[in-house]
Protein backbone atom coordinates (compact mmCIF):
# COMPACT_ATOMS: atom_id res chain seq x y z
CA MET A 1 -10.97 -5.22 23.33
CA LYS A 2 -13.06 -2.81 23.38
CA LEU A 3 -11.08 -1.07 20.50
CA TYR A 4 -11.35 -3.76 18.11
CA GLN A 5 -14.96 -4.41 18.74
CA GLU A 6 -15.30 -0.56 18.23
CA ILE A 7 -13.45 -1.08 14.99
CA ILE A 8 -15.62 -3.86 14.08
CA GLN A 9 -18.74 -1.98 14.62
CA LYS A 10 -17.70 1.02 12.55
CA SER A 11 -16.82 -0.97 9.79
CA GLN A 12 -20.37 -1.93 9.16
CA PRO A 13 -21.16 1.26 7.50
CA VAL A 14 -18.66 0.39 5.02
CA ASP A 15 -19.63 -2.99 4.40
CA VAL A 16 -22.83 -2.08 3.57
CA LYS A 17 -21.69 1.00 1.35
CA PHE A 18 -19.41 -1.43 -0.78
CA GLU A 19 -22.01 -4.42 -1.16
CA LYS A 20 -24.26 -2.02 -2.73
CA LEU A 21 -21.62 -0.14 -5.16
CA LYS A 22 -21.72 -0.73 -8.63
CA ALA A 23 -19.13 -0.93 -10.69
CA SER A 24 -20.22 2.59 -12.70
CA GLN A 25 -20.19 4.01 -9.24
CA LEU A 26 -16.37 3.13 -8.39
CA ASN A 27 -14.91 6.30 -10.10
CA GLU A 28 -17.24 8.63 -7.53
CA VAL A 29 -15.42 6.84 -4.47
CA GLU A 30 -13.33 9.21 -2.32
CA ILE A 31 -11.89 8.18 0.96
CA VAL A 32 -10.75 11.03 3.00
CA PHE A 33 -8.17 10.21 5.79
CA HIS A 34 -7.36 12.51 8.51
CA VAL A 35 -4.39 13.16 9.75
CA PRO A 36 -3.84 12.02 13.53
CA THR A 37 -2.68 15.08 16.06
CA ILE A 38 0.06 12.62 17.14
CA HIS A 39 1.72 12.98 13.66
CA PRO A 40 4.01 15.74 12.67
CA ARG A 41 2.55 16.22 9.37
CA VAL A 42 -0.73 17.87 11.06
CA LYS A 43 0.91 21.00 11.24
CA GLU A 44 0.59 21.30 7.34
CA ILE A 45 -2.56 19.16 6.10
CA SER A 46 -5.62 18.16 8.71
CA SER A 47 -6.39 15.65 5.93
CA TYR A 48 -5.77 13.87 2.40
CA THR A 49 -8.29 11.96 -0.20
CA TYR A 50 -7.64 9.15 -1.89
CA LYS A 51 -9.90 8.92 -5.33
CA SER A 52 -10.25 7.31 -8.62
CA LEU A 53 -8.07 9.62 -11.45
CA LYS A 54 -6.00 9.10 -15.12
CA ILE A 55 -2.64 10.67 -14.78
CA GLU A 56 -3.41 12.90 -17.84
CA ASN A 57 -5.58 14.59 -15.36
CA LEU A 58 -3.60 15.06 -12.71
CA PRO A 59 -2.26 18.74 -13.75
CA GLN A 60 -5.67 19.81 -13.53
CA THR A 61 -6.16 19.26 -9.78
CA ASP A 62 -5.55 21.42 -7.14
CA VAL A 63 -3.03 19.42 -5.39
CA PHE A 64 -0.65 19.35 -7.90
CA ASN A 65 -0.59 22.92 -8.18
CA LEU A 66 0.71 23.43 -4.74
CA THR A 67 3.96 24.47 -6.31
CA LYS A 68 5.34 24.42 -9.99
CA ASN A 69 8.79 22.57 -8.37
CA HIS A 70 7.63 18.54 -9.13
CA ILE A 71 10.00 15.98 -8.64
CA PHE A 72 8.92 12.56 -10.49
CA ILE A 73 9.98 9.38 -9.03
CA ILE A 74 8.62 6.14 -11.34
CA ASP A 75 9.35 2.60 -11.12
CA GLU A 76 11.41 1.59 -13.86
CA SER A 77 8.85 -0.77 -15.15
CA VAL A 78 5.83 1.39 -15.10
CA SER A 79 7.98 3.90 -16.75
CA LYS A 80 7.82 1.51 -19.82
CA GLN A 81 4.19 1.84 -20.08
CA LYS A 82 2.87 3.93 -23.24
CA PHE A 83 0.45 6.15 -21.30
CA ILE A 84 3.45 6.94 -18.60
CA GLN A 85 5.55 7.30 -21.88
CA GLU A 86 3.23 9.69 -23.37
CA PHE A 87 2.64 12.00 -20.00
CA ILE A 88 5.96 12.29 -19.37
CA LYS A 89 6.86 13.47 -23.10
CA LYS A 90 3.49 15.60 -22.97
CA GLN A 91 4.36 17.28 -19.60
CA LYS A 92 8.42 17.58 -20.11
CA VAL A 93 9.05 15.55 -17.30
CA SER A 94 12.70 14.36 -16.38
CA PRO A 95 11.97 11.77 -13.86
CA ILE A 96 14.28 9.69 -11.15
CA ILE A 97 13.60 6.54 -12.55
CA LEU A 98 14.28 3.61 -9.78
CA LYS A 99 14.20 0.09 -10.09
CA SER A 100 12.22 -1.35 -7.11
CA ILE A 101 14.90 -3.51 -5.23
CA GLU A 102 13.82 -3.77 -1.49
CA GLY A 103 16.97 -4.89 -0.63
CA LYS A 104 18.71 -1.88 -2.01
CA VAL A 105 16.59 1.13 -2.99
CA LYS A 106 14.64 1.21 -0.17
CA THR A 107 17.69 1.45 1.96
CA LYS A 108 18.85 4.33 4.18
CA PRO A 109 22.39 4.79 2.87
CA PHE A 110 20.63 4.41 -0.68
CA LEU A 111 18.10 6.94 -0.61
CA ASP A 112 20.49 9.56 1.58
CA ASP A 113 22.62 9.27 -1.08
CA LEU A 114 19.88 10.23 -3.81
CA ILE A 115 18.88 13.57 -1.90
CA LYS A 116 22.41 15.00 -2.17
CA SER A 117 23.17 13.87 -5.80
CA HIS A 118 20.22 15.34 -7.28
CA ASN A 119 20.04 18.17 -4.51
CA LEU A 120 16.75 17.73 -3.11
CA ASP A 121 17.51 19.06 0.18
CA LYS A 122 18.33 22.45 -1.64
CA LYS A 123 15.25 22.87 -3.63
CA GLN A 124 12.49 24.83 -1.81
CA ASN A 125 8.66 24.24 -2.21
CA LEU A 126 9.04 20.81 -3.73
CA THR A 127 6.49 18.28 -4.58
CA LEU A 128 7.34 14.86 -5.20
CA VAL A 129 5.00 12.68 -7.06
CA VAL A 130 5.36 8.99 -6.80
CA ILE A 131 4.36 6.66 -9.48
CA GLY A 132 5.45 3.28 -8.06
CA GLY A 133 4.39 -0.08 -5.58
CA GLY A 134 4.15 -0.03 -2.21
CA LEU A 135 8.07 -0.06 -2.17
CA LEU A 136 8.52 3.14 -4.04
CA LEU A 137 6.04 5.02 -1.96
CA ASN A 138 7.92 4.49 1.14
CA VAL A 139 11.20 5.45 -0.66
CA GLY A 140 9.13 8.74 -1.81
CA ALA A 141 7.69 9.35 1.48
CA TYR A 142 11.01 9.07 3.09
CA LEU A 143 12.63 11.31 0.85
CA ALA A 144 9.58 14.07 1.05
CA GLU A 145 10.14 13.53 4.72
CA ARG A 146 13.59 14.39 4.43
CA THR A 147 13.14 17.41 2.09
CA SER A 148 9.81 18.76 3.92
CA ALA A 149 8.30 18.07 0.17
CA ASN A 150 4.61 18.30 -0.53
CA LEU A 151 3.89 14.37 -1.72
CA ILE A 152 1.22 12.73 -4.08
CA TYR A 153 0.98 8.92 -4.28
CA LEU A 154 -0.07 7.23 -7.63
CA PRO A 155 -0.11 3.73 -6.55
CA THR A 156 1.07 0.77 -9.16
CA THR A 157 0.27 -2.08 -7.72
CA ALA A 158 -2.66 -3.77 -5.92
CA LEU A 159 -1.17 -3.91 -2.42
CA ALA A 160 0.05 -0.31 -3.29
CA MET A 161 -3.45 0.88 -4.20
CA SER A 162 -4.94 -0.95 -0.89
CA ASP A 163 -2.49 -0.33 1.99
CA SER A 164 -0.31 3.16 1.16
CA ALA A 165 -2.59 5.29 3.23
CA GLY A 166 -1.83 5.78 6.95
CA GLY A 167 1.27 8.08 6.34
CA LYS A 168 4.21 5.13 7.49
CA VAL A 169 7.36 5.99 6.43
CA ARG A 170 9.36 2.49 6.91
CA VAL A 171 12.87 2.24 5.04
CA ASN A 172 15.52 -0.75 5.72
CA PHE A 173 19.20 -1.20 6.45
CA VAL A 174 21.49 -3.60 5.02
CA SER A 175 24.83 -4.39 6.44
CA ASN A 176 27.14 -7.37 6.44
CA ASN A 177 24.74 -9.70 4.94
CA ARG A 178 22.21 -9.04 7.36
CA ALA A 179 18.70 -7.25 6.52
CA TYR A 180 16.77 -4.85 8.98
CA LYS A 181 13.36 -4.43 8.03
CA HIS A 182 11.88 -1.22 8.82
CA PHE A 183 15.18 0.12 10.36
CA TYR A 184 14.00 3.48 10.06
CA LYS A 185 10.31 4.29 11.02
CA SER A 186 8.56 7.64 10.76
CA PHE A 187 5.19 9.27 9.64
CA TYR A 188 4.72 11.97 6.60
CA GLU A 189 1.18 11.75 5.02
CA PRO A 190 0.99 12.61 1.11
CA ASN A 191 -1.40 15.43 0.05
CA ALA A 192 -3.08 13.22 -1.93
CA MET A 193 -3.70 9.50 -3.45
CA PHE A 194 -4.99 8.53 -6.99
CA LEU A 195 -5.78 5.47 -8.43
CA ASP A 196 -5.65 5.25 -11.94
CA GLU A 197 -6.88 1.72 -12.86
CA ARG A 198 -4.74 1.00 -15.83
CA PHE A 199 -2.00 -0.06 -13.73
CA LEU A 200 -4.06 -2.96 -12.59
CA GLU A 201 -4.72 -3.67 -15.97
CA SER A 202 -1.01 -4.20 -16.81
CA LEU A 203 0.14 -6.22 -13.92
CA PRO A 204 0.78 -9.93 -14.18
CA GLU A 205 -1.78 -12.39 -12.49
CA LYS A 206 1.04 -13.19 -9.40
CA GLN A 207 1.42 -9.60 -8.90
CA LYS A 208 -2.08 -9.21 -8.48
CA LYS A 209 -2.20 -12.13 -5.85
CA ILE A 210 0.52 -10.85 -4.06
CA GLY A 211 -0.67 -7.51 -3.17
CA PHE A 212 -4.32 -9.15 -2.52
CA VAL A 213 -3.23 -10.71 0.41
CA GLU A 214 -3.34 -7.24 3.00
CA ILE A 215 -6.97 -7.09 1.16
CA ILE A 216 -7.64 -10.63 2.33
CA LYS A 217 -5.96 -9.76 5.91
CA HIS A 218 -9.01 -7.40 6.41
CA GLY A 219 -11.60 -9.66 5.16
CA LEU A 220 -10.33 -12.32 7.73
CA PHE A 221 -9.73 -9.89 10.66
CA GLN A 222 -12.16 -7.02 10.13
CA SER A 223 -14.75 -7.89 7.75
CA PRO A 224 -16.86 -11.03 7.22
CA LYS A 225 -18.61 -9.32 4.44
CA LEU A 226 -15.48 -8.74 2.29
CA TYR A 227 -13.95 -12.14 2.72
CA ASN A 228 -17.20 -13.67 1.12
CA TYR A 229 -16.82 -10.63 -1.69
CA LEU A 230 -13.21 -12.14 -2.32
CA LEU A 231 -14.56 -15.77 -1.70
CA ASP A 232 -17.40 -15.50 -4.06
CA SER A 233 -15.42 -13.50 -6.78
CA GLY A 234 -12.66 -16.49 -6.59
CA ARG A 235 -9.78 -16.45 -9.38
CA ASP A 236 -12.02 -14.29 -11.61
CA LEU A 237 -11.60 -11.57 -9.80
CA PHE A 238 -8.05 -10.94 -11.02
CA ALA A 239 -9.49 -10.60 -14.85
CA ASP A 240 -12.02 -8.40 -13.85
CA THR A 241 -10.58 -4.80 -13.44
CA GLN A 242 -13.71 -3.15 -12.00
CA LYS A 243 -13.74 -6.69 -9.29
CA MET A 244 -10.41 -5.56 -8.61
CA LYS A 245 -10.99 -2.15 -7.86
CA LYS A 246 -14.08 -2.59 -5.34
CA ALA A 247 -11.70 -5.12 -3.39
CA ILE A 248 -8.94 -2.42 -3.22
CA LEU A 249 -11.02 0.91 -2.40
CA TRP A 250 -13.64 -1.45 0.24
CA ALA A 251 -10.31 -2.15 1.90
CA SER A 252 -8.55 1.20 1.98
CA ASP A 253 -11.77 2.37 3.69
CA LEU A 254 -11.66 -0.94 6.23
CA LYS A 255 -8.00 0.49 6.91
CA ARG A 256 -9.54 4.15 7.37
CA VAL A 257 -11.86 3.20 10.08
CA CYS A 258 -8.35 1.39 11.64
CA ILE A 259 -6.66 4.30 11.77
CA GLU A 260 -9.47 7.04 12.92
CA ILE A 261 -10.14 4.58 15.93
CA ASP A 262 -6.94 3.34 17.00
CA VAL A 263 -3.56 5.07 15.19
CA GLU A 264 -1.31 3.52 17.79
CA GLU A 265 -2.12 0.15 16.84
CA ASN A 266 -2.94 -1.08 20.19
CA GLU A 267 -2.84 -4.82 21.07
CA ASN A 268 -6.77 -4.81 22.02
CA GLY A 269 -7.54 -2.21 18.60
CA SER A 270 -6.21 -2.25 14.91
CA ARG A 271 -3.12 -3.96 15.57
CA ARG A 272 -4.71 -7.17 15.28
CA ILE A 273 -6.08 -5.79 11.56
CA LEU A 274 -3.18 -4.11 10.55
CA ARG A 275 -0.06 -6.05 11.89
CA GLY A 276 -2.17 -9.19 10.92
CA GLY A 277 0.71 -11.92 10.22
CA HIS A 278 3.32 -9.27 10.29
CA ASP A 279 5.25 -10.19 13.39
CA PHE A 280 5.88 -13.30 11.23
CA SER A 281 6.64 -11.53 7.86
CA ASP A 282 9.06 -9.04 9.34
CA ARG A 283 11.19 -11.79 10.36
CA ILE A 284 10.70 -14.04 7.33
CA GLU A 285 11.58 -11.03 4.87
CA GLU A 286 14.95 -10.57 6.64
CA ASP A 287 15.99 -14.26 6.92
CA LEU A 288 15.75 -14.12 3.33
CA MET A 289 17.78 -10.82 2.39
CA LEU A 290 14.42 -8.67 1.43
CA GLU A 291 14.08 -11.32 -1.32
CA ILE A 292 10.76 -12.91 -0.80
CA PRO A 293 7.78 -10.43 -1.91
CA HIS A 294 6.01 -8.95 0.91
CA GLY A 295 2.68 -9.96 -0.02
CA ILE A 296 3.48 -13.59 -0.05
CA ALA A 297 5.69 -13.34 3.39
CA VAL A 298 2.69 -11.67 4.98
CA ALA A 299 0.37 -14.60 3.92
CA ILE A 300 3.00 -17.42 5.72
CA GLY A 301 3.01 -14.86 8.79
CA ILE A 302 -0.99 -15.16 8.87
CA ILE A 303 -0.88 -18.63 8.63
CA LYS A 304 1.91 -18.73 11.79
CA GLN A 305 0.28 -16.58 13.83
CA LEU A 306 -3.18 -18.62 13.58
CA GLU A 307 -1.37 -21.54 13.98
CA MET A 308 0.21 -20.09 17.30
CA GLU A 309 -3.13 -18.69 18.36
CA HIS A 310 -4.94 -21.85 17.76
CA GLU A 311 -7.37 -20.00 16.05
CA LYS A 312 -8.89 -23.23 13.79
CA GLN A 313 -11.76 -21.18 12.50
CA LEU A 314 -10.29 -17.77 11.40
CA LEU A 315 -7.01 -20.89 10.02
CA ASP A 316 -9.16 -22.55 7.90
CA LYS A 317 -10.72 -19.71 6.64
CA ALA A 318 -7.32 -18.02 5.71
CA LYS A 319 -6.23 -21.28 4.12
CA LYS A 320 -9.32 -21.80 2.20
CA MET A 321 -9.00 -18.57 0.31
CA PHE A 322 -4.92 -18.82 -0.23
CA ASP A 323 -6.00 -22.08 -1.79
CA LEU A 324 -8.63 -20.73 -3.52
CA MET A 325 -6.40 -17.76 -5.08
CA ASP A 326 -3.23 -19.99 -5.37
CA ILE A 327 -1.47 -18.15 -3.49
CA PRO A 328 1.39 -19.70 -1.28
CA TYR A 329 1.42 -19.84 2.24
CA THR A 330 4.31 -21.66 3.61
CA ILE A 331 8.13 -21.26 2.31
CA GLU A 332 7.99 -24.41 0.13
CA GLU A 333 4.66 -23.59 -1.91
CA TYR A 334 6.46 -20.61 -2.58
CA SER A 335 9.47 -21.85 -3.78
CA ASN A 336 7.52 -23.93 -6.07
CA TRP A 337 5.50 -20.88 -7.01
CA LYS A 338 7.88 -18.41 -8.11
């Protein structure tokens, strides 16, 4: 467990930083993710930064001005928000609007057709700006990889805000009433990630709960201090944007530590943290034809994993947190909760 212990040790300065961090200081946080030397994009970019930014200020950033050939890909529900509509109008944007359906939009045939129908593979020096949840960010990464485009993320859900760094490209395939989760796997890092906290303010509470499972995962397997912060905050967390934002950035910085020490997700390293519950959740999502929210599937997966490992102490901690946050962790609970 040498790699795992190194991750835990290197996580401690992150915990110290965020424990002391005040709400007024959150906009100053910048998390720098280094592109691993084994990933294809290292030939183009060595690192990318994650920081707070209002979308109105995006055109003023250097990363946006890499090229004037920008295409915006926006989640359908997000595109209806007033400040996004105002941005679209002011910037004279003609976005590609996509409805985030795991079993349709995030599938290889759909995306290959999208590239052809919009001639994305014919455009030179393209920059894709993706505004949406984790599903749409994966879609954007696949499109950017296939077209060698620059890529900018503006995540709009708690899950995407906390867990989208790392460069993973994951696309599904559905055939003959069978779903294949992450049928296509690759890596393509964004040029930058930005957090506009107004997306959090507009999220329904259930969406916030779904998104916080990945954050709870870091608290269980990597950072007792993050776990205690979530425990102390309880459900009040979902009514306080700054508390949510702190937890999101905290988990993102912890993920950075995992990637820097063990990007390959070895069994004795970051796999226990980054893939906590996911071996079960992937199968659950496939069995339910990708119609269960990823966060809920991960919560169920974490419980199943800890039961299988006979990790009673962690199992009790997980159940305590999920119960406190009103997050279902069985299929039966989810059926009554949704």
